[in-house]
Every structure is written in structure tokens, then in C-alpha cells.
Amino acid sequence: MQALTQWLDRGFRVLLVGLMAGMVTAVCWQVISRYALNDPAAWTEEMARFLLMWIGLLGACYAYREGQHLGVDLFPKSLSPARYRLWALCAHSLVILFSVMVLLIGGGRLVYLTASLNQTSAALGVPMSWIYMSLPLCGVMMIVYALDAMLHPEQPSTEGVMNDG
């Protein structure tokens, strides 16, 4: 499992860097075409918006994997190792439940609906199902990362936690 997650981590880093480079390029071209050429490109705003969606969702998966997601860690840091493992098991189980219900099922339905209706984006003309595919992909990745975290829980450091002793 760890070999799979390490391979996914490397792929995620490359993909996220590529998506960020694409978004920066699109926004820079929009600024140049608007102010320097006085002929704004129609596709850049939509491209930047779609790339931001993918970056946000996939970046959240990667941040979850790295333990950098938003969370209050005062309580888990104060737990004993045995209680921390139980807490981590519950927390990661909730992540899996959310990922299945919202990202996989809800996102999958959205992808299916937009694909069956042949919806395309206005400026780029790409199928919207491709854009919304980021939801189920993020769901699968969150489940893989949550399962890995459940198999290999790490006790956070207690640095900064107030002790009564």
C-alpha cells in the first residue's frame, strides 16, 4: 500500500505543478491580451476557473495526505497513543464516508448527468463531464489516502500542548 501511495504522491506533485503552471499561463495571457494587445482572449477565464477547481480538489487530497489540511489538533495531540489510534480510526472513517457519499456518489452522478446531456463549456467547448471528473477522482484518492493513514497512524508531536505537570 505504501508503494502505491508513494507513487501517487509523486504523480500528484507533478500534476499539481502542471495545473498551476497552466493556470498561471492562462491568467498571464489574459492580462497580456487584454492590456498589451487590446484584444482579450475569450477562453482564458474559463480555463483558469476549471484549473482552479482541479487544483483545489486535488490539492485538498494531497494536503490531507501530508497532514496539512485544516484542523484543530490540540485534542489529538493530548491523547495517549492507544486513544490517538482510536481517534484517528474514527476521523479517517468519517473522511471515507464523506468521500464515498459526496465525492464518489454525488460527483459520479454529476459526471453521468453532464455526460448524458452532452453539456459542453461555453468558451472552451470541452465536455463538462471532464471538468466534473475531478470530484470522483478526488473521492477515490481521499479513500486511498485515508486507508493508508488508518493502516499507518502517526502520533502527532505534543509540542505546544499545555501540560498540567
N, C-alpha and C. Protein backbone atom coordinates (compact mmCIF):
# COMPACT_ATOMS: atom_id res chain seq x y z
N MET A 1 0.83 -1.20 0.00
CA MET A 1 0.00 0.00 0.00
C MET A 1 0.87 1.26 0.00
N GLN A 2 1.98 1.20 0.75
CA GLN A 2 2.82 2.40 0.81
C GLN A 2 3.51 2.67 -0.52
N ALA A 3 3.84 1.63 -1.26
CA ALA A 3 4.44 1.84 -2.58
C ALA A 3 3.45 2.54 -3.50
N LEU A 4 2.17 2.15 -3.42
CA LEU A 4 1.12 2.79 -4.23
C LEU A 4 0.98 4.25 -3.84
N THR A 5 0.91 4.54 -2.55
CA THR A 5 0.72 5.93 -2.13
C THR A 5 1.94 6.79 -2.45
N GLN A 6 3.14 6.23 -2.38
CA GLN A 6 4.33 6.99 -2.76
C GLN A 6 4.33 7.30 -4.25
N TRP A 7 3.90 6.34 -5.06
CA TRP A 7 3.78 6.56 -6.50
C TRP A 7 2.72 7.63 -6.78
N LEU A 8 1.59 7.56 -6.06
CA LEU A 8 0.52 8.56 -6.23
C LEU A 8 1.00 9.94 -5.78
N ASP A 9 1.76 9.99 -4.70
CA ASP A 9 2.29 11.28 -4.22
C ASP A 9 3.16 11.95 -5.28
N ARG A 10 4.05 11.18 -5.89
CA ARG A 10 4.90 11.76 -6.95
C ARG A 10 4.06 12.24 -8.12
N GLY A 11 3.08 11.42 -8.51
CA GLY A 11 2.20 11.82 -9.61
C GLY A 11 1.39 13.06 -9.28
N PHE A 12 0.92 13.14 -8.04
CA PHE A 12 0.15 14.31 -7.61
C PHE A 12 0.99 15.57 -7.65
N ARG A 13 2.21 15.48 -7.18
CA ARG A 13 3.08 16.66 -7.19
C ARG A 13 3.29 17.16 -8.62
N VAL A 14 3.58 16.24 -9.52
CA VAL A 14 3.81 16.62 -10.92
C VAL A 14 2.53 17.21 -11.52
N LEU A 15 1.39 16.54 -11.28
CA LEU A 15 0.12 17.01 -11.82
C LEU A 15 -0.24 18.38 -11.27
N LEU A 16 -0.10 18.58 -9.97
CA LEU A 16 -0.44 19.87 -9.37
C LEU A 16 0.46 20.99 -9.88
N VAL A 17 1.73 20.71 -10.04
CA VAL A 17 2.64 21.72 -10.59
C VAL A 17 2.23 22.06 -12.02
N GLY A 18 1.90 21.04 -12.81
CA GLY A 18 1.46 21.28 -14.18
C GLY A 18 0.18 22.08 -14.26
N LEU A 19 -0.78 21.75 -13.39
CA LEU A 19 -2.04 22.50 -13.38
C LEU A 19 -1.82 23.96 -12.96
N MET A 20 -0.95 24.16 -11.96
CA MET A 20 -0.65 25.53 -11.53
C MET A 20 0.04 26.31 -12.65
N ALA A 21 0.96 25.66 -13.33
CA ALA A 21 1.65 26.33 -14.45
C ALA A 21 0.65 26.69 -15.55
N GLY A 22 -0.28 25.78 -15.82
CA GLY A 22 -1.30 26.07 -16.83
C GLY A 22 -2.19 27.23 -16.43
N MET A 23 -2.57 27.28 -15.15
CA MET A 23 -3.43 28.37 -14.69
C MET A 23 -2.68 29.71 -14.73
N VAL A 24 -1.44 29.72 -14.29
CA VAL A 24 -0.65 30.96 -14.32
C VAL A 24 -0.46 31.43 -15.77
N THR A 25 -0.21 30.48 -16.66
CA THR A 25 -0.04 30.83 -18.07
C THR A 25 -1.33 31.43 -18.64
N ALA A 26 -2.46 30.81 -18.33
CA ALA A 26 -3.75 31.32 -18.84
C ALA A 26 -4.04 32.72 -18.31
N VAL A 27 -3.79 32.94 -17.03
CA VAL A 27 -4.06 34.25 -16.45
C VAL A 27 -3.09 35.30 -17.00
N CYS A 28 -1.83 34.94 -17.16
CA CYS A 28 -0.87 35.88 -17.74
C CYS A 28 -1.24 36.24 -19.17
N TRP A 29 -1.65 35.23 -19.94
CA TRP A 29 -2.06 35.52 -21.32
C TRP A 29 -3.29 36.42 -21.34
N GLN A 30 -4.21 36.23 -20.40
CA GLN A 30 -5.39 37.09 -20.32
C GLN A 30 -4.98 38.54 -20.08
N VAL A 31 -4.05 38.76 -19.16
CA VAL A 31 -3.59 40.11 -18.86
C VAL A 31 -2.88 40.72 -20.07
N ILE A 32 -2.00 39.94 -20.69
CA ILE A 32 -1.26 40.44 -21.85
C ILE A 32 -2.20 40.75 -23.01
N SER A 33 -3.12 39.83 -23.29
CA SER A 33 -4.03 40.05 -24.42
C SER A 33 -5.00 41.20 -24.16
N ARG A 34 -5.35 41.41 -22.92
CA ARG A 34 -6.29 42.49 -22.60
C ARG A 34 -5.61 43.86 -22.64
N TYR A 35 -4.47 43.96 -21.98
CA TYR A 35 -3.85 45.28 -21.83
C TYR A 35 -2.80 45.60 -22.89
N ALA A 36 -2.03 44.62 -23.31
CA ALA A 36 -0.98 44.90 -24.30
C ALA A 36 -1.52 44.81 -25.73
N LEU A 37 -2.34 43.82 -26.00
CA LEU A 37 -2.86 43.63 -27.36
C LEU A 37 -4.24 44.27 -27.57
N ASN A 38 -4.87 44.67 -26.48
CA ASN A 38 -6.21 45.28 -26.52
C ASN A 38 -7.23 44.36 -27.21
N ASP A 39 -7.05 43.04 -27.06
CA ASP A 39 -7.95 42.04 -27.64
C ASP A 39 -8.01 40.84 -26.69
N PRO A 40 -8.84 40.93 -25.62
CA PRO A 40 -8.83 39.88 -24.60
C PRO A 40 -9.24 38.51 -25.15
N ALA A 41 -8.50 37.50 -24.74
CA ALA A 41 -8.81 36.13 -25.14
C ALA A 41 -10.06 35.66 -24.40
N ALA A 42 -10.95 35.00 -25.11
CA ALA A 42 -12.22 34.58 -24.51
C ALA A 42 -12.09 33.32 -23.66
N TRP A 43 -11.12 32.49 -23.93
CA TRP A 43 -11.02 31.18 -23.30
C TRP A 43 -10.26 31.17 -21.98
N THR A 44 -9.47 32.21 -21.71
CA THR A 44 -8.56 32.15 -20.57
C THR A 44 -9.28 32.16 -19.22
N GLU A 45 -10.34 32.93 -19.11
CA GLU A 45 -11.05 33.00 -17.82
C GLU A 45 -11.67 31.65 -17.48
N GLU A 46 -12.28 31.02 -18.46
CA GLU A 46 -12.90 29.71 -18.22
C GLU A 46 -11.82 28.66 -17.92
N MET A 47 -10.73 28.70 -18.64
CA MET A 47 -9.63 27.76 -18.40
C MET A 47 -9.09 27.91 -16.98
N ALA A 48 -8.87 29.15 -16.55
CA ALA A 48 -8.35 29.39 -15.20
C ALA A 48 -9.35 28.90 -14.15
N ARG A 49 -10.63 29.10 -14.37
CA ARG A 49 -11.66 28.66 -13.44
C ARG A 49 -11.67 27.14 -13.31
N PHE A 50 -11.62 26.43 -14.42
CA PHE A 50 -11.63 24.97 -14.39
C PHE A 50 -10.35 24.42 -13.77
N LEU A 51 -9.22 25.02 -14.09
CA LEU A 51 -7.96 24.57 -13.49
C LEU A 51 -7.96 24.82 -11.99
N LEU A 52 -8.56 25.92 -11.55
CA LEU A 52 -8.65 26.20 -10.12
C LEU A 52 -9.49 25.15 -9.41
N MET A 53 -10.56 24.68 -10.05
CA MET A 53 -11.37 23.61 -9.48
C MET A 53 -10.52 22.36 -9.26
N TRP A 54 -9.80 21.96 -10.30
CA TRP A 54 -8.97 20.76 -10.21
C TRP A 54 -7.87 20.93 -9.18
N ILE A 55 -7.24 22.10 -9.16
CA ILE A 55 -6.16 22.35 -8.20
C ILE A 55 -6.71 22.32 -6.77
N GLY A 56 -7.86 22.91 -6.57
CA GLY A 56 -8.45 22.93 -5.23
C GLY A 56 -8.79 21.54 -4.72
N LEU A 57 -9.44 20.74 -5.55
CA LEU A 57 -9.83 19.40 -5.13
C LEU A 57 -8.63 18.47 -4.98
N LEU A 58 -7.79 18.43 -5.99
CA LEU A 58 -6.63 17.54 -5.91
C LEU A 58 -5.62 18.03 -4.87
N GLY A 59 -5.53 19.34 -4.73
CA GLY A 59 -4.66 19.88 -3.68
C GLY A 59 -5.16 19.54 -2.29
N ALA A 60 -6.48 19.48 -2.11
CA ALA A 60 -7.04 19.07 -0.82
C ALA A 60 -6.70 17.62 -0.53
N CYS A 61 -6.73 16.77 -1.54
CA CYS A 61 -6.33 15.37 -1.36
C CYS A 61 -4.88 15.28 -0.93
N TYR A 62 -4.03 16.01 -1.61
CA TYR A 62 -2.60 15.97 -1.30
C TYR A 62 -2.33 16.56 0.09
N ALA A 63 -3.03 17.63 0.44
CA ALA A 63 -2.86 18.22 1.76
C ALA A 63 -3.32 17.26 2.85
N TYR A 64 -4.39 16.53 2.59
CA TYR A 64 -4.86 15.52 3.53
C TYR A 64 -3.80 14.44 3.71
N ARG A 65 -3.21 14.02 2.64
CA ARG A 65 -2.16 13.00 2.68
C ARG A 65 -0.98 13.47 3.51
N GLU A 66 -0.62 14.74 3.35
CA GLU A 66 0.54 15.28 4.05
C GLU A 66 0.22 15.74 5.47
N GLY A 67 -1.04 15.65 5.88
CA GLY A 67 -1.43 16.11 7.21
C GLY A 67 -1.46 17.62 7.33
N GLN A 68 -1.59 18.32 6.21
CA GLN A 68 -1.58 19.77 6.19
C GLN A 68 -2.96 20.38 6.02
N HIS A 69 -4.00 19.56 6.06
CA HIS A 69 -5.36 20.06 5.91
C HIS A 69 -5.75 20.85 7.15
N LEU A 70 -6.76 21.66 7.01
CA LEU A 70 -7.23 22.49 8.10
C LEU A 70 -7.83 21.61 9.19
N GLY A 71 -7.41 21.81 10.41
CA GLY A 71 -7.95 21.02 11.51
C GLY A 71 -7.45 21.55 12.83
N VAL A 72 -8.17 21.24 13.87
CA VAL A 72 -7.77 21.61 15.22
C VAL A 72 -7.07 20.40 15.81
N ASP A 73 -5.79 20.55 16.11
CA ASP A 73 -5.03 19.39 16.56
C ASP A 73 -4.68 19.42 18.04
N LEU A 74 -5.26 20.33 18.80
CA LEU A 74 -4.97 20.39 20.22
C LEU A 74 -5.46 19.13 20.93
N PHE A 75 -6.66 18.69 20.59
CA PHE A 75 -7.23 17.49 21.23
C PHE A 75 -6.45 16.23 20.87
N PRO A 76 -6.20 15.94 19.59
CA PRO A 76 -5.46 14.71 19.28
C PRO A 76 -4.05 14.67 19.86
N LYS A 77 -3.41 15.82 19.96
CA LYS A 77 -2.05 15.86 20.50
C LYS A 77 -2.01 15.48 21.98
N SER A 78 -3.12 15.67 22.67
CA SER A 78 -3.14 15.40 24.11
C SER A 78 -3.52 13.95 24.43
N LEU A 79 -3.81 13.14 23.43
CA LEU A 79 -4.24 11.76 23.66
C LEU A 79 -3.06 10.82 23.82
N SER A 80 -3.31 9.75 24.54
CA SER A 80 -2.30 8.69 24.64
C SER A 80 -2.21 7.99 23.28
N PRO A 81 -1.14 7.25 23.01
CA PRO A 81 -1.03 6.57 21.72
C PRO A 81 -2.20 5.64 21.39
N ALA A 82 -2.69 4.91 22.38
CA ALA A 82 -3.82 4.00 22.12
C ALA A 82 -5.10 4.78 21.78
N ARG A 83 -5.35 5.83 22.52
CA ARG A 83 -6.55 6.64 22.25
C ARG A 83 -6.41 7.42 20.95
N TYR A 84 -5.18 7.82 20.64
CA TYR A 84 -4.96 8.51 19.38
C TYR A 84 -5.29 7.60 18.20
N ARG A 85 -4.87 6.33 18.28
CA ARG A 85 -5.18 5.39 17.19
C ARG A 85 -6.69 5.24 17.02
N LEU A 86 -7.44 5.20 18.12
CA LEU A 86 -8.90 5.10 18.04
C LEU A 86 -9.49 6.37 17.43
N TRP A 87 -8.99 7.52 17.89
CA TRP A 87 -9.47 8.79 17.34
C TRP A 87 -9.17 8.87 15.84
N ALA A 88 -7.95 8.50 15.44
CA ALA A 88 -7.56 8.55 14.04
C ALA A 88 -8.41 7.61 13.20
N LEU A 89 -8.72 6.43 13.73
CA LEU A 89 -9.57 5.48 13.03
C LEU A 89 -10.96 6.09 12.78
N CYS A 90 -11.51 6.74 13.80
CA CYS A 90 -12.83 7.39 13.64
C CYS A 90 -12.77 8.55 12.65
N ALA A 91 -11.74 9.38 12.76
CA ALA A 91 -11.62 10.54 11.87
C ALA A 91 -11.44 10.11 10.42
N HIS A 92 -10.59 9.14 10.17
CA HIS A 92 -10.37 8.68 8.80
C HIS A 92 -11.59 7.93 8.26
N SER A 93 -12.33 7.27 9.15
CA SER A 93 -13.57 6.62 8.72
C SER A 93 -14.59 7.65 8.25
N LEU A 94 -14.66 8.77 8.95
CA LEU A 94 -15.56 9.84 8.52
C LEU A 94 -15.13 10.43 7.18
N VAL A 95 -13.83 10.54 6.97
CA VAL A 95 -13.32 11.02 5.68
C VAL A 95 -13.75 10.06 4.57
N ILE A 96 -13.63 8.76 4.83
CA ILE A 96 -14.04 7.77 3.83
C ILE A 96 -15.53 7.87 3.57
N LEU A 97 -16.34 8.01 4.62
CA LEU A 97 -17.79 8.13 4.45
C LEU A 97 -18.13 9.36 3.60
N PHE A 98 -17.52 10.49 3.91
CA PHE A 98 -17.74 11.71 3.13
C PHE A 98 -17.32 11.51 1.68
N SER A 99 -16.16 10.90 1.49
CA SER A 99 -15.64 10.70 0.14
C SER A 99 -16.56 9.81 -0.68
N VAL A 100 -17.09 8.77 -0.06
CA VAL A 100 -18.00 7.88 -0.79
C VAL A 100 -19.31 8.59 -1.11
N MET A 101 -19.91 9.20 -0.10
CA MET A 101 -21.25 9.78 -0.28
C MET A 101 -21.23 11.03 -1.18
N VAL A 102 -20.34 11.94 -0.91
CA VAL A 102 -20.36 13.22 -1.62
C VAL A 102 -19.54 13.18 -2.91
N LEU A 103 -18.30 12.75 -2.79
CA LEU A 103 -17.41 12.84 -3.95
C LEU A 103 -17.65 11.72 -4.96
N LEU A 104 -17.74 10.48 -4.49
CA LEU A 104 -17.93 9.38 -5.44
C LEU A 104 -19.36 9.30 -5.96
N ILE A 105 -20.32 9.20 -5.03
CA ILE A 105 -21.72 9.04 -5.47
C ILE A 105 -22.24 10.35 -6.07
N GLY A 106 -22.13 11.45 -5.32
CA GLY A 106 -22.62 12.73 -5.83
C GLY A 106 -21.86 13.20 -7.05
N GLY A 107 -20.54 13.13 -6.98
CA GLY A 107 -19.71 13.54 -8.12
C GLY A 107 -19.92 12.63 -9.33
N GLY A 108 -20.06 11.33 -9.07
CA GLY A 108 -20.32 10.38 -10.16
C GLY A 108 -21.63 10.65 -10.86
N ARG A 109 -22.65 10.99 -10.07
CA ARG A 109 -23.95 11.33 -10.67
C ARG A 109 -23.86 12.60 -11.51
N LEU A 110 -23.11 13.58 -11.01
CA LEU A 110 -22.93 14.82 -11.76
C LEU A 110 -22.20 14.55 -13.08
N VAL A 111 -21.16 13.74 -13.04
CA VAL A 111 -20.43 13.38 -14.26
C VAL A 111 -21.36 12.66 -15.23
N TYR A 112 -22.13 11.71 -14.71
CA TYR A 112 -23.06 10.95 -15.56
C TYR A 112 -24.11 11.87 -16.18
N LEU A 113 -24.67 12.77 -15.37
CA LEU A 113 -25.72 13.68 -15.86
C LEU A 113 -25.18 14.60 -16.95
N THR A 114 -24.03 15.21 -16.72
CA THR A 114 -23.50 16.13 -17.72
C THR A 114 -23.04 15.39 -18.98
N ALA A 115 -22.58 14.15 -18.81
CA ALA A 115 -22.19 13.36 -19.99
C ALA A 115 -23.42 12.95 -20.79
N SER A 116 -24.49 12.55 -20.10
CA SER A 116 -25.70 12.12 -20.81
C SER A 116 -26.40 13.29 -21.49
N LEU A 117 -26.24 14.49 -20.96
CA LEU A 117 -26.84 15.68 -21.57
C LEU A 117 -25.91 16.34 -22.59
N ASN A 118 -24.71 15.80 -22.74
CA ASN A 118 -23.71 16.34 -23.67
C ASN A 118 -23.42 17.82 -23.42
N GLN A 119 -23.33 18.20 -22.16
CA GLN A 119 -23.04 19.59 -21.83
C GLN A 119 -21.57 19.89 -22.12
N THR A 120 -21.36 21.03 -22.74
CA THR A 120 -20.00 21.49 -23.00
C THR A 120 -19.82 22.89 -22.42
N SER A 121 -18.59 23.25 -22.17
CA SER A 121 -18.33 24.58 -21.64
C SER A 121 -18.50 25.61 -22.75
N ALA A 122 -18.81 26.82 -22.35
CA ALA A 122 -19.15 27.86 -23.33
C ALA A 122 -17.95 28.28 -24.18
N ALA A 123 -16.85 28.60 -23.55
CA ALA A 123 -15.71 29.16 -24.30
C ALA A 123 -14.77 28.08 -24.84
N LEU A 124 -14.51 27.05 -24.06
CA LEU A 124 -13.55 26.03 -24.48
C LEU A 124 -14.19 24.92 -25.31
N GLY A 125 -15.48 24.67 -25.08
CA GLY A 125 -16.17 23.63 -25.81
C GLY A 125 -15.82 22.22 -25.35
N VAL A 126 -15.21 22.07 -24.18
CA VAL A 126 -14.89 20.74 -23.67
C VAL A 126 -16.10 20.18 -22.92
N PRO A 127 -16.26 18.87 -22.92
CA PRO A 127 -17.37 18.28 -22.17
C PRO A 127 -17.26 18.61 -20.68
N MET A 128 -18.36 19.04 -20.10
CA MET A 128 -18.36 19.38 -18.67
C MET A 128 -18.13 18.15 -17.80
N SER A 129 -18.42 16.97 -18.33
CA SER A 129 -18.16 15.75 -17.56
C SER A 129 -16.67 15.61 -17.30
N TRP A 130 -15.81 16.08 -18.21
CA TRP A 130 -14.37 16.03 -17.97
C TRP A 130 -13.99 16.95 -16.82
N ILE A 131 -14.63 18.09 -16.77
CA ILE A 131 -14.34 19.06 -15.71
C ILE A 131 -14.78 18.49 -14.36
N TYR A 132 -15.98 17.92 -14.32
CA TYR A 132 -16.53 17.40 -13.06
C TYR A 132 -15.91 16.07 -12.66
N MET A 133 -15.12 15.47 -13.52
CA MET A 133 -14.45 14.22 -13.19
C MET A 133 -13.48 14.39 -12.01
N SER A 134 -13.16 15.63 -11.70
CA SER A 134 -12.27 15.88 -10.56
C SER A 134 -12.92 15.44 -9.25
N LEU A 135 -14.24 15.47 -9.16
CA LEU A 135 -14.93 15.06 -7.92
C LEU A 135 -14.75 13.58 -7.62
N PRO A 136 -15.14 12.66 -8.52
CA PRO A 136 -14.92 11.25 -8.18
C PRO A 136 -13.45 10.88 -8.08
N LEU A 137 -12.60 11.53 -8.88
CA LEU A 137 -11.17 11.25 -8.77
C LEU A 137 -10.65 11.64 -7.39
N CYS A 138 -11.07 12.79 -6.92
CA CYS A 138 -10.69 13.24 -5.58
C CYS A 138 -11.24 12.27 -4.53
N GLY A 139 -12.45 11.77 -4.72
CA GLY A 139 -13.04 10.82 -3.78
C GLY A 139 -12.23 9.54 -3.69
N VAL A 140 -11.82 9.01 -4.83
CA VAL A 140 -11.00 7.79 -4.84
C VAL A 140 -9.68 8.04 -4.13
N MET A 141 -9.06 9.17 -4.43
CA MET A 141 -7.77 9.47 -3.83
C MET A 141 -7.88 9.67 -2.31
N MET A 142 -8.94 10.32 -1.86
CA MET A 142 -9.14 10.52 -0.43
C MET A 142 -9.33 9.18 0.27
N ILE A 143 -10.06 8.27 -0.37
CA ILE A 143 -10.26 6.95 0.23
C ILE A 143 -8.94 6.20 0.33
N VAL A 144 -8.15 6.22 -0.73
CA VAL A 144 -6.85 5.55 -0.71
C VAL A 144 -5.96 6.14 0.39
N TYR A 145 -5.92 7.46 0.48
CA TYR A 145 -5.08 8.10 1.48
C TYR A 145 -5.61 7.86 2.89
N ALA A 146 -6.93 7.84 3.07
CA ALA A 146 -7.49 7.57 4.39
C ALA A 146 -7.21 6.13 4.82
N LEU A 147 -7.32 5.19 3.90
CA LEU A 147 -6.99 3.80 4.23
C LEU A 147 -5.52 3.66 4.61
N ASP A 148 -4.66 4.35 3.88
CA ASP A 148 -3.24 4.31 4.21
C ASP A 148 -2.99 4.93 5.59
N ALA A 149 -3.67 6.01 5.89
CA ALA A 149 -3.50 6.65 7.20
C ALA A 149 -4.04 5.77 8.32
N MET A 150 -5.09 5.00 8.03
CA MET A 150 -5.62 4.09 9.04
C MET A 150 -4.66 2.93 9.29
N LEU A 151 -3.97 2.50 8.27
CA LEU A 151 -3.02 1.39 8.42
C LEU A 151 -1.71 1.84 9.07
N HIS A 152 -1.38 3.12 8.92
CA HIS A 152 -0.11 3.65 9.45
C HIS A 152 -0.35 4.95 10.22
N PRO A 153 -1.06 4.89 11.36
CA PRO A 153 -1.32 6.14 12.10
C PRO A 153 -0.04 6.67 12.74
N GLU A 154 0.11 7.98 12.69
CA GLU A 154 1.26 8.62 13.31
C GLU A 154 0.77 9.52 14.42
N GLN A 155 1.34 9.36 15.59
CA GLN A 155 1.00 10.20 16.73
C GLN A 155 1.62 11.57 16.51
N PRO A 156 0.83 12.65 16.53
CA PRO A 156 1.42 13.98 16.36
C PRO A 156 2.28 14.34 17.57
N SER A 157 3.21 15.25 17.36
CA SER A 157 4.07 15.67 18.47
C SER A 157 3.24 16.46 19.47
N THR A 158 3.68 16.44 20.72
CA THR A 158 2.96 17.15 21.77
C THR A 158 3.54 18.53 22.01
N GLU A 159 4.39 18.99 21.11
CA GLU A 159 4.98 20.31 21.24
C GLU A 159 3.90 21.38 21.20
N GLY A 160 3.90 22.26 22.12
CA GLY A 160 2.92 23.33 22.16
C GLY A 160 1.67 22.99 22.94
N VAL A 161 1.53 21.76 23.43
CA VAL A 161 0.36 21.39 24.22
C VAL A 161 0.66 21.69 25.68
N MET A 162 -0.29 22.33 26.33
CA MET A 162 -0.10 22.69 27.74
C MET A 162 -0.25 21.45 28.60
N ASN A 163 0.68 21.23 29.49
CA ASN A 163 0.63 20.11 30.44
C ASN A 163 0.36 20.65 31.83
N ASP A 164 -0.35 19.86 32.62
CA ASP A 164 -0.67 20.28 33.98
C ASP A 164 0.47 19.97 34.95
N GLY A 165 1.50 19.26 34.52
CA GLY A 165 2.57 18.83 35.41
C GLY A 165 3.65 19.75 35.39
